[in-house]
């Protein structure tokens, strides 16, 4: 995939590592090894491989940006989610490492950590964990009166890769409306 992009478009200037899958919500003692491998591979190995493949070309540019889409889960590291917590935490460790290694090459590496977002994965999560059929029914109890939208996260990414961000690297920006609403 990367070779095709390089052939068609030249060096990649922006890489957003946004692949994500949920774990099954089991305790560590009940988590299947295959699930752990699948989830951690998606969240940590995938971004490592892609970053490694685009960096040689990115280093030839005046500026490059790598954004890791993580989760507020890395702040709480709640129970029943070890594979997801481990994968996202490893992704963040990669981001912090890359930020230190690549700033000399003009590459900024940052993390965006959303809370619950109205996506297919978010909808499945609230159905499985709370029995909620319509994610919008949670709006009233959320910061700013609504569940986070994909555009809210995209706007943070847009800022990070824009000329408005000339000096941030190695940072984690939460996109969770400031955390749970006081009414929750």
Protein backbone atom coordinates (compact mmCIF):
# COMPACT_ATOMS: atom_id res chain seq x y z
CA UNK A 1 0.00 0.00 0.00
CA UNK A 2 2.71 2.48 0.99
CA UNK A 3 4.77 1.68 -2.10
CA UNK A 4 1.75 2.36 -4.31
CA UNK A 5 1.14 5.70 -2.59
CA UNK A 6 4.81 6.64 -2.91
CA UNK A 7 4.76 5.72 -6.61
CA UNK A 8 1.54 7.65 -7.28
CA UNK A 9 1.93 10.69 -5.02
CA UNK A 10 5.48 10.84 -3.69
CA UNK A 11 6.47 11.10 -0.02
CA UNK A 12 3.72 11.03 2.58
CA UNK A 13 3.57 14.29 4.55
CA UNK A 14 0.71 13.35 6.92
CA UNK A 15 0.06 9.94 8.46
CA UNK A 16 -2.93 9.47 10.75
CA UNK A 17 -2.86 6.11 12.51
CA UNK A 18 -6.57 5.66 13.18
CA UNK A 19 -7.21 1.93 12.88
CA UNK A 20 -8.99 0.68 15.95
CA UNK A 21 -10.87 -2.32 17.24
CA UNK A 22 -12.40 -3.02 20.61
CA UNK A 23 -11.56 -5.86 22.92
CA UNK A 24 -14.27 -8.18 24.17
CA UNK A 25 -14.49 -6.72 27.66
CA UNK A 26 -13.24 -9.73 29.57
CA UNK A 27 -11.06 -9.94 32.65
CA UNK A 28 -7.37 -10.67 32.06
CA UNK A 29 -7.78 -14.22 33.35
CA UNK A 30 -10.49 -14.84 30.73
CA UNK A 31 -8.89 -13.10 27.74
CA UNK A 32 -7.91 -15.33 24.85
CA UNK A 33 -4.31 -14.95 23.67
CA UNK A 34 -5.49 -14.57 20.06
CA UNK A 35 -7.64 -11.59 21.03
CA UNK A 36 -4.71 -9.95 22.81
CA UNK A 37 -2.54 -10.44 19.72
CA UNK A 38 -5.22 -9.11 17.34
CA UNK A 39 -6.03 -5.99 19.34
CA UNK A 40 -2.46 -5.05 20.24
CA UNK A 41 -1.32 -5.70 16.66
CA UNK A 42 -3.98 -3.35 15.32
CA UNK A 43 -3.28 -0.52 17.77
CA UNK A 44 0.49 -0.78 18.18
CA UNK A 45 2.16 -2.89 15.50
CA UNK A 46 0.19 -1.34 12.62
CA UNK A 47 1.19 2.25 13.48
CA UNK A 48 4.80 1.13 13.97
CA UNK A 49 4.95 -0.56 10.57
CA UNK A 50 3.26 2.31 8.73
CA UNK A 51 5.38 4.96 10.43
CA UNK A 52 8.54 3.04 9.62
CA UNK A 53 7.53 2.80 5.96
CA UNK A 54 6.63 6.48 5.47
CA UNK A 55 9.45 8.03 7.52
CA UNK A 56 12.23 7.80 4.91
CA UNK A 57 10.21 9.89 2.46
CA UNK A 58 8.74 12.13 5.15
CA UNK A 59 12.25 13.06 6.27
CA UNK A 60 12.95 14.52 2.81
CA UNK A 61 10.11 17.02 3.21
CA UNK A 62 10.23 20.36 4.98
CA UNK A 63 7.58 19.08 7.40
CA UNK A 64 5.88 15.84 8.25
CA UNK A 65 3.16 14.93 10.74
CA UNK A 66 2.25 11.64 12.35
CA UNK A 67 -0.93 11.57 14.43
CA UNK A 68 -1.90 8.63 16.62
CA UNK A 69 -5.59 8.32 17.43
CA UNK A 70 -5.61 6.90 20.93
CA UNK A 71 -8.30 6.97 23.61
CA UNK A 72 -9.13 8.38 27.02
CA UNK A 73 -8.87 4.72 28.06
CA UNK A 74 -5.13 5.29 28.53
CA UNK A 75 -5.94 7.77 31.29
CA UNK A 76 -8.08 5.39 33.36
CA UNK A 77 -6.90 1.93 32.21
CA UNK A 78 -10.19 0.45 33.37
CA UNK A 79 -10.88 -3.18 34.09
CA UNK A 80 -12.20 -5.62 31.50
CA UNK A 81 -10.21 -4.07 28.67
CA UNK A 82 -6.58 -5.11 28.96
CA UNK A 83 -6.00 -5.78 25.22
CA UNK A 84 -7.41 -2.37 24.25
CA UNK A 85 -5.63 -0.57 27.09
CA UNK A 86 -2.35 -2.29 26.23
CA UNK A 87 -2.66 -1.55 22.50
CA UNK A 88 -3.48 2.14 22.93
CA UNK A 89 -0.80 2.60 25.61
CA UNK A 90 1.80 0.97 23.36
CA UNK A 91 0.70 3.27 20.53
CA UNK A 92 1.24 6.28 22.77
CA UNK A 93 4.68 5.01 23.77
CA UNK A 94 5.52 4.77 20.08
CA UNK A 95 4.33 8.34 19.54
CA UNK A 96 6.43 9.74 22.37
CA UNK A 97 9.47 7.83 21.13
CA UNK A 98 8.98 8.96 17.53
CA UNK A 99 8.49 12.58 18.60
CA UNK A 100 11.92 12.54 20.24
CA UNK A 101 13.59 10.72 17.36
CA UNK A 102 12.07 12.66 14.47
CA UNK A 103 11.86 16.30 15.55
CA UNK A 104 15.38 16.79 14.18
CA UNK A 105 13.90 15.79 10.80
CA UNK A 106 10.99 18.25 10.99
CA UNK A 107 8.45 15.54 11.80
CA UNK A 108 5.86 16.31 14.45
CA UNK A 109 4.27 13.35 16.23
CA UNK A 110 1.21 13.89 18.40
CA UNK A 111 -1.65 11.96 19.98
CA UNK A 112 -5.37 12.68 19.90
CA UNK A 113 -7.28 10.87 22.65
CA UNK A 114 -11.05 11.00 22.24
CA UNK A 115 -13.67 9.74 24.63
CA UNK A 116 -16.86 8.12 23.39
CA UNK A 117 -17.41 9.06 19.73
CA UNK A 118 -20.54 8.52 17.66
CA UNK A 119 -19.05 5.93 15.32
CA UNK A 120 -19.98 2.35 14.56
CA UNK A 121 -17.48 1.21 17.21
CA UNK A 122 -18.87 3.69 19.77
CA UNK A 123 -22.42 2.57 19.05
CA UNK A 124 -21.47 -1.10 19.50
CA UNK A 125 -19.64 -0.25 22.73
CA UNK A 126 -22.58 1.49 24.43
CA UNK A 127 -24.94 -1.26 23.28
CA UNK A 128 -22.68 -3.99 24.69
CA UNK A 129 -21.72 -2.25 27.94
CA UNK A 130 -24.84 -0.22 28.76
CA UNK A 131 -27.62 -1.78 26.69
CA UNK A 132 -28.10 1.55 24.89
CA UNK A 133 -29.67 1.14 21.45
CA UNK A 134 -29.35 4.80 20.37
CA UNK A 135 -26.06 6.52 21.25
CA UNK A 136 -27.81 9.91 20.86
CA UNK A 137 -29.90 9.06 23.94
CA UNK A 138 -26.70 9.72 25.93
CA UNK A 139 -26.43 13.32 24.67
CA UNK A 140 -28.01 14.97 27.71
CA UNK A 141 -25.48 13.50 30.14
CA UNK A 142 -22.44 14.33 28.00
CA UNK A 143 -20.22 17.42 28.05
CA UNK A 144 -21.72 20.18 25.90
CA UNK A 145 -24.97 18.20 25.71
CA UNK A 146 -23.90 15.70 23.08
CA UNK A 147 -21.73 12.69 22.34
CA UNK A 148 -18.49 13.57 20.55
CA UNK A 149 -18.79 13.55 16.75
CA UNK A 150 -16.12 12.29 14.35
CA UNK A 151 -15.68 15.88 13.10
CA UNK A 152 -14.73 16.97 16.63
CA UNK A 153 -11.78 14.58 16.51
CA UNK A 154 -10.97 15.45 12.89
CA UNK A 155 -10.83 19.15 13.79
CA UNK A 156 -8.14 18.46 16.40
CA UNK A 157 -6.18 16.49 13.82
CA UNK A 158 -6.61 19.31 11.29
CA UNK A 159 -5.13 21.75 13.77
CA UNK A 160 -2.19 19.51 14.59
CA UNK A 161 -1.21 19.08 10.93
CA UNK A 162 -1.83 22.72 10.00
CA UNK A 163 0.50 25.69 9.89
CA UNK A 164 -1.21 26.83 13.11
CA UNK A 165 0.76 24.07 14.83
CA UNK A 166 4.34 25.00 14.27
CA UNK A 167 5.72 23.99 17.65
CA UNK A 168 3.83 21.03 19.17
CA UNK A 169 5.27 17.54 19.13
CA UNK A 170 5.10 14.69 21.60
CA UNK A 171 1.78 15.92 22.99
CA UNK A 172 -1.48 14.16 23.84
CA UNK A 173 -4.62 16.22 23.29
CA UNK A 174 -7.81 14.90 24.81
CA UNK A 175 -10.98 15.33 22.78
CA UNK A 176 -13.53 14.40 25.41
CA UNK A 177 -15.31 17.65 26.20
CA UNK A 178 -13.29 18.02 29.37
CA UNK A 179 -14.30 14.66 30.75
CA UNK A 180 -17.62 13.40 32.07
CA UNK A 181 -20.37 15.95 32.50
CA UNK A 182 -21.17 16.94 36.11
CA UNK A 183 -24.68 15.55 35.55
CA UNK A 184 -23.31 12.05 35.02
